[in-house]
């Protein structure tokens, strides 16, 4: 749980930058990856990450613009990446301008429970981490180069002249 706005802003800047990098790697052709396996397609996961920021955090009373378009993912990877960039920035701006550190301990109704706002912010980050993991598998299946998330990828190791572990 976050106890200061600055602590959240610092972590969000890092985490959202990583998510943005993953989303910027997607192509229009890759968005349907996974559909044939009866799993949520890559583009829908990316859109879910994007729309959940507003869906979850607005439950705390924060006011900022939601991505337009509803639940169905756009067919444009660039549109998804741009929407994430906008909502990510709008949420952080709203937190920094509408809240003080005291708001982080206030409770909000969240999915049938009462959560401290600082816990909700932690949940948004963990939610993205969870779905980035799913996306990395589908990205590989789609033939995309998975960007470095928490360390070098196989391709990164090879470019450094090192033998990647299997």
N, C-alpha and C. Protein backbone atom coordinates (compact mmCIF):
# COMPACT_ATOMS: atom_id res chain seq x y z
N UNK A 1 0.85 -1.18 0.00
CA UNK A 1 0.00 0.00 0.00
C UNK A 1 0.89 1.24 0.00
N UNK A 2 0.49 2.21 -0.78
CA UNK A 2 1.24 3.46 -0.83
C UNK A 2 0.79 4.37 0.29
N UNK A 3 1.75 5.08 0.88
CA UNK A 3 1.44 6.02 1.96
C UNK A 3 1.78 7.46 1.58
N UNK A 4 2.46 7.64 0.44
CA UNK A 4 2.71 9.00 -0.07
C UNK A 4 2.43 9.05 -1.56
N UNK A 5 1.97 10.19 -1.99
CA UNK A 5 1.73 10.42 -3.43
C UNK A 5 3.04 10.29 -4.18
N UNK A 6 4.11 10.81 -3.63
CA UNK A 6 5.41 10.76 -4.32
C UNK A 6 5.88 9.32 -4.52
N UNK A 7 5.69 8.47 -3.52
CA UNK A 7 6.10 7.07 -3.65
C UNK A 7 5.33 6.41 -4.79
N UNK A 8 4.02 6.69 -4.87
CA UNK A 8 3.24 6.14 -5.98
C UNK A 8 3.72 6.72 -7.31
N UNK A 9 3.90 8.02 -7.37
CA UNK A 9 4.31 8.66 -8.63
C UNK A 9 5.63 8.09 -9.13
N UNK A 10 6.56 7.87 -8.23
CA UNK A 10 7.86 7.31 -8.62
C UNK A 10 7.69 5.90 -9.19
N UNK A 11 6.93 5.06 -8.49
CA UNK A 11 6.75 3.69 -8.98
C UNK A 11 5.90 3.65 -10.23
N UNK A 12 4.85 4.46 -10.29
CA UNK A 12 3.99 4.49 -11.47
C UNK A 12 4.78 4.93 -12.70
N UNK A 13 5.63 5.90 -12.55
CA UNK A 13 6.44 6.37 -13.68
C UNK A 13 7.26 5.23 -14.26
N UNK A 14 7.85 4.43 -13.40
CA UNK A 14 8.64 3.29 -13.86
C UNK A 14 7.77 2.20 -14.46
N UNK A 15 6.74 1.80 -13.76
CA UNK A 15 5.89 0.68 -14.21
C UNK A 15 5.11 1.03 -15.47
N UNK A 16 4.56 2.22 -15.52
CA UNK A 16 3.77 2.60 -16.70
C UNK A 16 4.68 2.79 -17.92
N UNK A 17 5.92 3.21 -17.69
CA UNK A 17 6.87 3.31 -18.80
C UNK A 17 7.14 1.93 -19.39
N UNK A 18 7.27 0.92 -18.54
CA UNK A 18 7.48 -0.44 -19.01
C UNK A 18 6.26 -0.94 -19.77
N UNK A 19 5.08 -0.71 -19.22
CA UNK A 19 3.85 -1.12 -19.90
C UNK A 19 3.73 -0.40 -21.24
N UNK A 20 4.05 0.89 -21.26
CA UNK A 20 3.98 1.64 -22.51
C UNK A 20 4.92 1.05 -23.55
N UNK A 21 6.09 0.66 -23.13
CA UNK A 21 7.06 0.06 -24.05
C UNK A 21 6.50 -1.24 -24.64
N UNK A 22 5.87 -2.05 -23.82
CA UNK A 22 5.24 -3.29 -24.30
C UNK A 22 4.14 -2.95 -25.31
N UNK A 23 3.28 -2.01 -24.97
CA UNK A 23 2.18 -1.65 -25.87
C UNK A 23 2.69 -1.05 -27.17
N UNK A 24 3.75 -0.27 -27.11
CA UNK A 24 4.32 0.33 -28.32
C UNK A 24 4.92 -0.71 -29.26
N UNK A 25 5.19 -1.90 -28.75
CA UNK A 25 5.76 -2.98 -29.56
C UNK A 25 4.70 -3.72 -30.37
N UNK A 26 3.45 -3.63 -29.95
CA UNK A 26 2.38 -4.35 -30.64
C UNK A 26 2.18 -3.83 -32.05
N UNK A 27 1.73 -4.72 -32.91
CA UNK A 27 1.35 -4.35 -34.28
C UNK A 27 -0.12 -4.67 -34.47
N UNK A 28 -0.71 -4.08 -35.47
CA UNK A 28 -2.12 -4.38 -35.76
C UNK A 28 -2.31 -5.88 -36.00
N UNK A 29 -1.38 -6.49 -36.73
CA UNK A 29 -1.49 -7.92 -37.03
C UNK A 29 -1.39 -8.80 -35.80
N UNK A 30 -0.71 -8.33 -34.75
CA UNK A 30 -0.52 -9.15 -33.55
C UNK A 30 -1.71 -9.15 -32.61
N UNK A 31 -2.64 -8.22 -32.78
CA UNK A 31 -3.70 -8.03 -31.79
C UNK A 31 -4.63 -9.23 -31.64
N UNK A 32 -4.76 -10.06 -32.67
CA UNK A 32 -5.63 -11.23 -32.60
C UNK A 32 -4.93 -12.46 -32.05
N UNK A 33 -3.63 -12.37 -31.76
CA UNK A 33 -2.89 -13.54 -31.26
C UNK A 33 -3.56 -14.08 -30.00
N UNK A 34 -3.82 -15.36 -29.98
CA UNK A 34 -4.45 -16.01 -28.85
C UNK A 34 -5.90 -16.35 -29.09
N UNK A 35 -6.54 -15.65 -30.00
CA UNK A 35 -7.97 -15.89 -30.25
C UNK A 35 -8.22 -17.34 -30.67
N UNK A 36 -7.32 -17.87 -31.49
CA UNK A 36 -7.51 -19.24 -31.97
C UNK A 36 -7.30 -20.28 -30.87
N UNK A 37 -6.68 -19.89 -29.79
CA UNK A 37 -6.45 -20.80 -28.65
C UNK A 37 -7.53 -20.64 -27.59
N UNK A 38 -8.57 -19.90 -27.91
CA UNK A 38 -9.68 -19.68 -26.99
C UNK A 38 -9.24 -18.98 -25.70
N UNK A 39 -8.29 -18.07 -25.84
CA UNK A 39 -7.88 -17.23 -24.71
C UNK A 39 -8.12 -15.77 -25.10
N UNK A 40 -8.06 -14.91 -24.15
CA UNK A 40 -8.24 -13.49 -24.44
C UNK A 40 -7.13 -13.05 -25.38
N UNK A 41 -7.46 -12.49 -26.52
CA UNK A 41 -6.43 -12.10 -27.50
C UNK A 41 -5.52 -10.98 -26.97
N UNK A 42 -4.36 -10.91 -27.54
CA UNK A 42 -3.35 -9.94 -27.14
C UNK A 42 -3.90 -8.51 -27.12
N UNK A 43 -4.58 -8.12 -28.16
CA UNK A 43 -5.13 -6.77 -28.23
C UNK A 43 -6.17 -6.50 -27.14
N UNK A 44 -6.96 -7.52 -26.81
CA UNK A 44 -7.97 -7.35 -25.77
C UNK A 44 -7.32 -7.22 -24.40
N UNK A 45 -6.22 -7.96 -24.16
CA UNK A 45 -5.50 -7.81 -22.90
C UNK A 45 -4.92 -6.40 -22.80
N UNK A 46 -4.32 -5.93 -23.89
CA UNK A 46 -3.76 -4.58 -23.90
C UNK A 46 -4.84 -3.54 -23.63
N UNK A 47 -6.00 -3.72 -24.22
CA UNK A 47 -7.10 -2.78 -24.02
C UNK A 47 -7.63 -2.87 -22.58
N UNK A 48 -7.68 -4.08 -22.05
CA UNK A 48 -8.13 -4.29 -20.67
C UNK A 48 -7.22 -3.54 -19.69
N UNK A 49 -5.92 -3.63 -19.89
CA UNK A 49 -4.98 -2.88 -19.05
C UNK A 49 -5.29 -1.39 -19.13
N UNK A 50 -5.51 -0.92 -20.33
CA UNK A 50 -5.75 0.50 -20.58
C UNK A 50 -7.04 0.98 -19.91
N UNK A 51 -8.12 0.25 -20.10
CA UNK A 51 -9.41 0.71 -19.56
C UNK A 51 -9.54 0.50 -18.06
N UNK A 52 -8.81 -0.47 -17.51
CA UNK A 52 -8.92 -0.75 -16.09
C UNK A 52 -8.36 0.39 -15.24
N UNK A 53 -7.42 1.14 -15.77
CA UNK A 53 -6.88 2.26 -14.99
C UNK A 53 -8.02 3.17 -14.54
N UNK A 54 -8.85 3.60 -15.47
CA UNK A 54 -9.96 4.48 -15.12
C UNK A 54 -11.04 3.73 -14.35
N UNK A 55 -11.37 2.54 -14.82
CA UNK A 55 -12.44 1.77 -14.18
C UNK A 55 -12.16 1.57 -12.70
N UNK A 56 -10.92 1.24 -12.36
CA UNK A 56 -10.58 0.95 -10.97
C UNK A 56 -10.36 2.23 -10.16
N UNK A 57 -9.54 3.11 -10.66
CA UNK A 57 -9.14 4.28 -9.86
C UNK A 57 -10.27 5.30 -9.72
N UNK A 58 -11.17 5.38 -10.69
CA UNK A 58 -12.28 6.33 -10.57
C UNK A 58 -13.23 5.93 -9.45
N UNK A 59 -13.19 4.68 -9.00
CA UNK A 59 -14.02 4.25 -7.88
C UNK A 59 -13.62 4.95 -6.57
N UNK A 60 -12.44 5.54 -6.56
CA UNK A 60 -11.96 6.27 -5.37
C UNK A 60 -12.48 7.70 -5.33
N UNK A 61 -13.14 8.13 -6.39
CA UNK A 61 -13.63 9.49 -6.47
C UNK A 61 -12.76 10.41 -7.31
N UNK A 62 -11.60 9.91 -7.74
CA UNK A 62 -10.76 10.73 -8.63
C UNK A 62 -11.48 10.97 -9.95
N UNK A 63 -11.28 12.15 -10.50
CA UNK A 63 -11.91 12.48 -11.77
C UNK A 63 -10.84 12.73 -12.82
N UNK A 64 -10.90 11.93 -13.88
CA UNK A 64 -10.02 12.09 -15.04
C UNK A 64 -10.66 11.37 -16.22
N UNK A 65 -10.20 11.70 -17.40
CA UNK A 65 -10.82 11.17 -18.62
C UNK A 65 -10.55 9.68 -18.80
N UNK A 66 -11.60 8.97 -19.15
CA UNK A 66 -11.51 7.54 -19.45
C UNK A 66 -11.21 7.35 -20.93
N UNK A 67 -10.59 6.23 -21.29
CA UNK A 67 -10.40 5.93 -22.71
C UNK A 67 -11.77 5.78 -23.39
N UNK A 68 -11.87 6.24 -24.60
CA UNK A 68 -13.12 6.14 -25.33
C UNK A 68 -13.18 4.81 -26.07
N UNK A 69 -14.40 4.29 -26.23
CA UNK A 69 -14.55 3.13 -27.08
C UNK A 69 -15.16 1.90 -26.44
N UNK A 70 -15.40 1.92 -25.16
CA UNK A 70 -16.03 0.76 -24.54
C UNK A 70 -15.07 -0.38 -24.26
N UNK A 71 -15.63 -1.58 -24.12
CA UNK A 71 -14.84 -2.73 -23.71
C UNK A 71 -14.13 -3.44 -24.86
N UNK A 72 -14.65 -3.32 -26.07
CA UNK A 72 -14.05 -4.02 -27.20
C UNK A 72 -12.80 -3.27 -27.66
N UNK A 73 -11.71 -4.02 -27.78
CA UNK A 73 -10.44 -3.40 -28.15
C UNK A 73 -10.48 -2.83 -29.56
N UNK A 74 -9.85 -1.69 -29.76
CA UNK A 74 -9.70 -1.16 -31.12
C UNK A 74 -8.86 -2.11 -31.97
N UNK A 75 -8.96 -1.99 -33.27
CA UNK A 75 -8.17 -2.84 -34.17
C UNK A 75 -6.82 -2.20 -34.51
N UNK A 76 -6.51 -1.11 -33.88
CA UNK A 76 -5.26 -0.40 -34.11
C UNK A 76 -4.37 -0.47 -32.87
N UNK A 77 -3.20 -1.04 -33.02
CA UNK A 77 -2.24 -1.11 -31.91
C UNK A 77 -1.83 0.29 -31.48
N UNK A 78 -1.65 1.17 -32.41
CA UNK A 78 -1.25 2.55 -32.08
C UNK A 78 -2.34 3.24 -31.27
N UNK A 79 -3.59 2.98 -31.59
CA UNK A 79 -4.69 3.59 -30.84
C UNK A 79 -4.71 3.09 -29.40
N UNK A 80 -4.44 1.81 -29.19
CA UNK A 80 -4.38 1.26 -27.84
C UNK A 80 -3.22 1.90 -27.08
N UNK A 81 -2.05 1.94 -27.70
CA UNK A 81 -0.87 2.52 -27.04
C UNK A 81 -1.10 4.00 -26.71
N UNK A 82 -1.71 4.73 -27.62
CA UNK A 82 -1.98 6.15 -27.37
C UNK A 82 -2.99 6.35 -26.25
N UNK A 83 -4.01 5.49 -26.21
CA UNK A 83 -5.02 5.59 -25.16
C UNK A 83 -4.41 5.29 -23.80
N UNK A 84 -3.52 4.30 -23.75
CA UNK A 84 -2.84 3.99 -22.49
C UNK A 84 -2.00 5.18 -22.04
N UNK A 85 -1.25 5.75 -22.98
CA UNK A 85 -0.40 6.91 -22.65
C UNK A 85 -1.25 8.04 -22.05
N UNK A 86 -2.40 8.28 -22.63
CA UNK A 86 -3.27 9.37 -22.17
C UNK A 86 -3.87 9.09 -20.80
N UNK A 87 -4.44 7.90 -20.62
CA UNK A 87 -5.10 7.59 -19.36
C UNK A 87 -4.09 7.44 -18.23
N UNK A 88 -2.93 6.91 -18.53
CA UNK A 88 -1.88 6.76 -17.53
C UNK A 88 -1.44 8.13 -17.01
N UNK A 89 -1.23 9.04 -17.93
CA UNK A 89 -0.84 10.40 -17.57
C UNK A 89 -1.97 11.12 -16.83
N UNK A 90 -3.20 10.97 -17.32
CA UNK A 90 -4.34 11.64 -16.70
C UNK A 90 -4.56 11.17 -15.27
N UNK A 91 -4.39 9.86 -15.03
CA UNK A 91 -4.57 9.35 -13.69
C UNK A 91 -3.52 9.94 -12.74
N UNK A 92 -2.27 9.93 -13.16
CA UNK A 92 -1.21 10.46 -12.31
C UNK A 92 -1.43 11.94 -12.02
N UNK A 93 -1.79 12.69 -13.04
CA UNK A 93 -2.08 14.12 -12.84
C UNK A 93 -3.23 14.32 -11.86
N UNK A 94 -4.27 13.51 -11.98
CA UNK A 94 -5.42 13.63 -11.08
C UNK A 94 -5.00 13.35 -9.64
N UNK A 95 -4.21 12.31 -9.44
CA UNK A 95 -3.75 11.98 -8.09
C UNK A 95 -2.93 13.13 -7.51
N UNK A 96 -2.01 13.65 -8.31
CA UNK A 96 -1.13 14.70 -7.82
C UNK A 96 -1.86 16.02 -7.55
N UNK A 97 -2.97 16.27 -8.25
CA UNK A 97 -3.68 17.53 -8.08
C UNK A 97 -4.93 17.45 -7.22
N UNK A 98 -5.53 16.27 -7.11
CA UNK A 98 -6.78 16.14 -6.37
C UNK A 98 -6.60 15.54 -4.98
N UNK A 99 -5.47 14.91 -4.74
CA UNK A 99 -5.25 14.23 -3.45
C UNK A 99 -4.05 14.80 -2.72
N UNK A 100 -4.05 14.54 -1.42
CA UNK A 100 -2.86 14.70 -0.59
C UNK A 100 -2.53 13.31 -0.06
N UNK A 101 -1.44 13.18 0.65
CA UNK A 101 -1.06 11.88 1.21
C UNK A 101 -2.18 11.32 2.10
N UNK A 102 -2.93 12.19 2.75
CA UNK A 102 -4.01 11.73 3.63
C UNK A 102 -5.08 10.94 2.87
N UNK A 103 -5.30 11.26 1.61
CA UNK A 103 -6.30 10.54 0.82
C UNK A 103 -5.95 9.07 0.61
N UNK A 104 -4.69 8.73 0.75
CA UNK A 104 -4.27 7.35 0.50
C UNK A 104 -4.77 6.39 1.58
N UNK A 105 -5.08 6.89 2.75
CA UNK A 105 -5.61 6.03 3.81
C UNK A 105 -7.13 6.01 3.84
N UNK A 106 -7.77 6.86 3.05
CA UNK A 106 -9.23 6.87 2.99
C UNK A 106 -9.71 5.59 2.31
N UNK A 107 -10.86 5.12 2.74
CA UNK A 107 -11.42 3.88 2.23
C UNK A 107 -12.41 4.17 1.10
N UNK A 108 -12.40 3.29 0.10
CA UNK A 108 -13.33 3.40 -1.02
C UNK A 108 -13.93 2.02 -1.30
N UNK A 109 -15.16 2.03 -1.78
CA UNK A 109 -15.84 0.78 -2.13
C UNK A 109 -15.18 0.21 -3.39
N UNK A 110 -14.67 -1.01 -3.27
CA UNK A 110 -13.94 -1.62 -4.38
C UNK A 110 -14.34 -3.08 -4.49
N UNK A 111 -15.19 -3.38 -5.47
CA UNK A 111 -15.55 -4.77 -5.78
C UNK A 111 -16.12 -5.51 -4.57
N UNK A 112 -17.04 -4.86 -3.87
CA UNK A 112 -17.71 -5.49 -2.74
C UNK A 112 -16.95 -5.40 -1.43
N UNK A 113 -15.82 -4.73 -1.44
CA UNK A 113 -15.00 -4.57 -0.23
C UNK A 113 -14.67 -3.10 -0.04
N UNK A 114 -14.06 -2.79 1.08
CA UNK A 114 -13.55 -1.45 1.34
C UNK A 114 -12.02 -1.52 1.28
N UNK A 115 -11.43 -0.75 0.39
CA UNK A 115 -9.98 -0.72 0.24
C UNK A 115 -9.48 0.69 0.53
N UNK A 116 -8.32 0.77 1.16
CA UNK A 116 -7.65 2.06 1.28
C UNK A 116 -7.22 2.48 -0.13
N UNK A 117 -7.30 3.78 -0.40
CA UNK A 117 -6.92 4.26 -1.74
C UNK A 117 -5.49 3.88 -2.11
N UNK A 118 -4.60 3.88 -1.12
CA UNK A 118 -3.22 3.48 -1.38
C UNK A 118 -3.11 2.03 -1.81
N UNK A 119 -4.01 1.17 -1.32
CA UNK A 119 -4.06 -0.22 -1.74
C UNK A 119 -4.59 -0.34 -3.16
N UNK A 120 -5.57 0.47 -3.50
CA UNK A 120 -6.09 0.47 -4.86
C UNK A 120 -4.99 0.83 -5.86
N UNK A 121 -4.17 1.81 -5.51
CA UNK A 121 -3.08 2.19 -6.41
C UNK A 121 -2.08 1.05 -6.57
N UNK A 122 -1.80 0.34 -5.48
CA UNK A 122 -0.93 -0.84 -5.56
C UNK A 122 -1.56 -1.90 -6.47
N UNK A 123 -2.87 -2.10 -6.34
CA UNK A 123 -3.57 -3.10 -7.14
C UNK A 123 -3.52 -2.77 -8.63
N UNK A 124 -3.58 -1.49 -8.99
CA UNK A 124 -3.48 -1.10 -10.40
C UNK A 124 -2.13 -1.53 -10.97
N UNK A 125 -1.09 -1.33 -10.20
CA UNK A 125 0.26 -1.70 -10.66
C UNK A 125 0.38 -3.22 -10.78
N UNK A 126 -0.05 -3.94 -9.77
CA UNK A 126 0.04 -5.41 -9.80
C UNK A 126 -0.80 -5.97 -10.94
N UNK A 127 -1.94 -5.37 -11.19
CA UNK A 127 -2.81 -5.79 -12.30
C UNK A 127 -2.06 -5.69 -13.62
N UNK A 128 -1.36 -4.59 -13.83
CA UNK A 128 -0.60 -4.43 -15.07
C UNK A 128 0.52 -5.45 -15.18
N UNK A 129 1.21 -5.69 -14.07
CA UNK A 129 2.31 -6.66 -14.08
C UNK A 129 1.78 -8.03 -14.48
N UNK A 130 0.67 -8.43 -13.90
CA UNK A 130 0.04 -9.71 -14.21
C UNK A 130 -0.24 -9.83 -15.71
N UNK A 131 -0.87 -8.82 -16.28
CA UNK A 131 -1.24 -8.89 -17.69
C UNK A 131 -0.05 -8.70 -18.63
N UNK A 132 0.98 -7.99 -18.23
CA UNK A 132 2.19 -7.91 -19.07
C UNK A 132 2.80 -9.29 -19.24
N UNK A 133 2.74 -10.10 -18.18
CA UNK A 133 3.25 -11.47 -18.28
C UNK A 133 2.47 -12.27 -19.31
N UNK A 134 1.16 -12.16 -19.30
CA UNK A 134 0.34 -12.84 -20.30
C UNK A 134 0.68 -12.34 -21.70
N UNK A 135 0.84 -11.04 -21.82
CA UNK A 135 1.12 -10.45 -23.12
C UNK A 135 2.46 -10.92 -23.68
N UNK A 136 3.46 -11.09 -22.82
CA UNK A 136 4.78 -11.47 -23.33
C UNK A 136 4.73 -12.83 -24.02
N UNK A 137 3.94 -13.75 -23.50
CA UNK A 137 3.80 -15.06 -24.15
C UNK A 137 3.13 -14.91 -25.51
N UNK A 138 2.04 -14.18 -25.55
CA UNK A 138 1.32 -13.99 -26.81
C UNK A 138 2.14 -13.20 -27.82
N UNK A 139 2.96 -12.28 -27.34
CA UNK A 139 3.83 -11.51 -28.24
C UNK A 139 4.84 -12.44 -28.91
N UNK A 140 5.43 -13.34 -28.15
CA UNK A 140 6.37 -14.32 -28.73
C UNK A 140 5.67 -15.18 -29.76
N UNK A 141 4.46 -15.65 -29.42
CA UNK A 141 3.71 -16.47 -30.36
C UNK A 141 3.38 -15.71 -31.64
N UNK A 142 3.22 -14.40 -31.53
CA UNK A 142 2.91 -13.56 -32.70
C UNK A 142 4.16 -13.19 -33.49
N UNK A 143 5.31 -13.61 -33.01
CA UNK A 143 6.56 -13.30 -33.71
C UNK A 143 7.13 -11.94 -33.39
N UNK A 144 6.63 -11.29 -32.33
CA UNK A 144 7.15 -9.99 -31.94
C UNK A 144 8.35 -10.17 -31.01
N UNK A 145 9.22 -9.22 -31.02
CA UNK A 145 10.31 -9.21 -30.06
C UNK A 145 9.76 -8.65 -28.75
N UNK A 146 9.87 -9.44 -27.71
CA UNK A 146 9.39 -9.01 -26.40
C UNK A 146 10.40 -8.03 -25.83
N UNK A 147 9.94 -6.85 -25.43
CA UNK A 147 10.88 -5.89 -24.85
C UNK A 147 11.34 -6.35 -23.47
N UNK A 148 12.49 -5.86 -23.07
CA UNK A 148 13.00 -6.13 -21.74
C UNK A 148 12.01 -5.56 -20.73
N UNK A 149 11.62 -6.38 -19.76
CA UNK A 149 10.67 -5.93 -18.74
C UNK A 149 11.37 -5.87 -17.39
N UNK A 150 11.85 -7.00 -16.90
CA UNK A 150 12.55 -7.05 -15.62
C UNK A 150 13.95 -7.62 -15.79
N UNK A 151 14.50 -7.45 -16.94
CA UNK A 151 15.83 -7.96 -17.23
C UNK A 151 15.93 -8.27 -18.71
N UNK A 152 17.11 -8.66 -19.14
CA UNK A 152 17.33 -8.88 -20.56
C UNK A 152 16.49 -10.04 -21.10
N UNK A 153 16.07 -9.89 -22.34
CA UNK A 153 15.39 -10.97 -23.04
C UNK A 153 16.43 -11.84 -23.74
N UNK A 154 15.98 -12.91 -24.29
CA UNK A 154 16.86 -13.81 -25.05
C UNK A 154 17.61 -13.04 -26.13
N UNK A 155 16.89 -12.20 -26.84
CA UNK A 155 17.51 -11.42 -27.91
C UNK A 155 18.54 -10.43 -27.37
N UNK A 156 18.25 -9.84 -26.22
CA UNK A 156 19.20 -8.92 -25.59
C UNK A 156 20.51 -9.63 -25.27
N UNK A 157 20.40 -10.85 -24.70
CA UNK A 157 21.60 -11.62 -24.37
C UNK A 157 22.41 -11.91 -25.63
N UNK A 158 21.73 -12.34 -26.66
CA UNK A 158 22.41 -12.71 -27.91
C UNK A 158 23.10 -11.49 -28.52
N UNK A 159 22.46 -10.34 -28.47
CA UNK A 159 23.06 -9.12 -29.01
C UNK A 159 24.30 -8.71 -28.24
N UNK A 160 24.40 -9.13 -27.00
CA UNK A 160 25.58 -8.84 -26.17
C UNK A 160 26.66 -9.92 -26.32
N UNK A 161 26.38 -10.87 -27.23
CA UNK A 161 27.35 -11.94 -27.47
C UNK A 161 27.34 -13.01 -26.39
N UNK A 162 26.29 -13.06 -25.60
CA UNK A 162 26.19 -14.05 -24.52
C UNK A 162 25.23 -15.17 -24.91
N UNK A 163 25.42 -16.31 -24.31
CA UNK A 163 24.55 -17.46 -24.56
C UNK A 163 23.36 -17.38 -23.61
N UNK A 164 22.13 -17.23 -24.14
CA UNK A 164 20.97 -17.17 -23.25
C UNK A 164 20.71 -18.54 -22.63
N UNK A 165 20.18 -18.53 -21.41
CA UNK A 165 19.78 -19.77 -20.75
C UNK A 165 18.52 -20.30 -21.41
N UNK A 166 18.39 -21.59 -21.41
CA UNK A 166 17.18 -22.19 -22.00
C UNK A 166 16.08 -22.29 -21.00
